Amino acid sequence: MSGDVSDRDIAVFEAGIKLGALYHQFIGTPLSLKTIKVVENAITRSVSLQPYVKAVKVEINREKVRERTTRFGYCELCGDMLDVWLVVEYRGVEVRARLKFDGEYPLMFLESVSAAEP
């Protein structure tokens, strides 16, 4: 890796890549009120397997699922339904990132970047 790239840069990059991959991998997944927890767990477990991931929490908005459920008993996961918290740690740098609908668009952003606790 280039000497111009810091551990902080890499940690932030890793957090962004993981949220972007999560978003594009799972949007469109069929779900119902009965399967929300299964989908939340599948996303959490999938992302938690990736390098440097320390913690993941996924919540799907049940009210939006209820509103969008079709006559066939399910809907598709949309970006505005997701609220995701992610913690990545790379070489002592801890990044807390989030994916959340801001009223207009599902945004990915940093909540904090700091030295990890020993």
Protein backbone atom coordinates (compact mmCIF):
# COMPACT_ATOMS: atom_id res chain seq x y z
CA MET A 1 0.00 0.00 0.00
CA SER A 2 1.10 3.53 -0.69
CA GLY A 3 2.82 5.48 2.07
CA ASP A 4 0.36 8.32 1.45
CA VAL A 5 -2.55 6.19 2.65
CA SER A 6 -2.99 6.12 6.41
CA ASP A 7 -4.56 3.43 8.59
CA ARG A 8 -7.39 5.94 9.19
CA ASP A 9 -7.95 6.23 5.41
CA ILE A 10 -8.09 2.47 5.04
CA ALA A 11 -10.49 2.05 7.98
CA VAL A 12 -12.86 4.70 6.56
CA PHE A 13 -12.65 3.13 3.09
CA GLU A 14 -13.44 -0.31 4.50
CA ALA A 15 -16.55 1.02 6.28
CA GLY A 16 -17.81 2.69 3.10
CA ILE A 17 -17.20 -0.38 0.96
CA LYS A 18 -19.07 -2.60 3.38
CA LEU A 19 -22.12 -0.33 3.54
CA GLY A 20 -22.16 0.07 -0.25
CA ALA A 21 -21.89 -3.67 -0.80
CA LEU A 22 -24.62 -4.35 1.75
CA TYR A 23 -26.93 -1.85 0.08
CA HIS A 24 -26.47 -3.15 -3.44
CA GLN A 25 -26.45 -6.81 -2.46
CA PHE A 26 -29.72 -6.85 -0.52
CA ILE A 27 -31.96 -4.19 -2.10
CA GLY A 28 -34.76 -6.03 -3.89
CA THR A 29 -34.77 -8.96 -1.47
CA PRO A 30 -38.33 -10.27 -1.04
CA LEU A 31 -39.59 -9.96 2.52
CA SER A 32 -42.73 -9.96 4.62
CA LEU A 33 -43.56 -9.10 8.18
CA LYS A 34 -42.94 -12.78 9.00
CA THR A 35 -39.44 -12.80 7.48
CA ILE A 36 -38.04 -9.40 8.50
CA LYS A 37 -36.00 -10.82 11.38
CA VAL A 38 -34.57 -13.54 9.13
CA VAL A 39 -33.51 -10.94 6.54
CA GLU A 40 -32.03 -8.66 9.25
CA ASN A 41 -30.03 -11.61 10.60
CA ALA A 42 -28.89 -12.68 7.12
CA ILE A 43 -27.60 -9.18 6.33
CA THR A 44 -25.93 -8.91 9.73
CA ARG A 45 -24.22 -12.29 9.45
CA SER A 46 -23.14 -11.70 5.86
CA VAL A 47 -21.54 -8.33 6.59
CA SER A 48 -19.98 -9.53 9.86
CA LEU A 49 -17.97 -12.14 7.93
CA GLN A 50 -16.00 -9.45 6.10
CA PRO A 51 -12.53 -8.36 7.20
CA TYR A 52 -12.21 -5.69 9.90
CA VAL A 53 -15.92 -5.71 10.81
CA LYS A 54 -16.28 -5.48 14.57
CA ALA A 55 -20.06 -5.02 14.86
CA VAL A 56 -23.16 -4.71 12.67
CA LYS A 57 -26.75 -3.91 13.54
CA VAL A 58 -29.50 -3.98 10.91
CA GLU A 59 -33.06 -2.77 11.37
CA ILE A 60 -35.75 -2.91 8.69
CA ASN A 61 -38.68 -0.51 9.09
CA ARG A 62 -41.65 -2.74 9.78
CA GLU A 63 -44.23 -0.02 9.12
CA LYS A 64 -42.88 0.51 5.59
CA VAL A 65 -42.97 -3.24 4.97
CA ARG A 66 -46.56 -3.34 6.23
CA GLU A 67 -47.56 -0.44 3.95
CA ARG A 68 -45.91 -1.94 0.87
CA THR A 69 -46.94 -5.56 1.29
CA THR A 70 -48.72 -6.64 -1.88
CA ARG A 71 -51.73 -8.88 -2.23
CA PHE A 72 -49.20 -11.70 -2.58
CA GLY A 73 -48.09 -11.22 1.02
CA TYR A 74 -44.65 -9.68 0.54
CA CYS A 75 -42.76 -6.66 -0.77
CA GLU A 76 -39.17 -5.92 -1.77
CA LEU A 77 -36.54 -4.43 0.50
CA CYS A 78 -35.97 -0.77 -0.43
CA GLY A 79 -33.23 1.58 0.71
CA ASP A 80 -35.62 3.73 2.71
CA MET A 81 -36.46 0.72 4.89
CA LEU A 82 -32.89 0.18 6.13
CA ASP A 83 -31.18 1.53 9.21
CA VAL A 84 -27.71 0.02 9.61
CA TRP A 85 -24.94 0.65 12.15
CA LEU A 86 -21.46 -0.64 11.37
CA VAL A 87 -18.20 -0.65 13.32
CA VAL A 88 -14.96 -1.37 11.49
CA GLU A 89 -11.56 -1.60 13.15
CA TYR A 90 -8.33 -1.49 11.20
CA ARG A 91 -4.96 -1.33 12.99
CA GLY A 92 -6.33 0.43 16.03
CA VAL A 93 -8.58 2.86 14.14
CA GLU A 94 -12.27 2.40 14.85
CA VAL A 95 -14.88 3.71 12.41
CA ARG A 96 -18.57 3.94 13.22
CA ALA A 97 -20.63 4.31 10.07
CA ARG A 98 -24.31 4.31 9.29
CA LEU A 99 -26.76 3.79 6.47
CA LYS A 100 -30.05 5.60 7.05
CA PHE A 101 -32.83 7.16 5.01
CA ASP A 102 -32.68 10.95 5.44
CA GLY A 103 -36.20 11.68 4.18
CA GLU A 104 -35.08 11.92 0.57
CA TYR A 105 -32.40 9.29 0.00
CA PRO A 106 -30.71 6.44 1.90
CA LEU A 107 -27.36 7.99 2.87
CA MET A 108 -24.17 6.36 4.08
CA PHE A 109 -22.13 8.46 6.49
CA LEU A 110 -19.50 8.39 9.19
CA GLU A 111 -20.56 8.82 12.80
CA SER A 112 -17.04 8.77 14.24
CA VAL A 113 -13.42 7.86 13.56
CA SER A 114 -11.15 7.30 16.55
CA ALA A 115 -8.43 5.20 18.08
CA ALA A 116 -9.93 1.90 19.26
CA GLU A 117 -10.05 1.10 22.96
CA PRO A 118 -7.21 -1.20 24.06
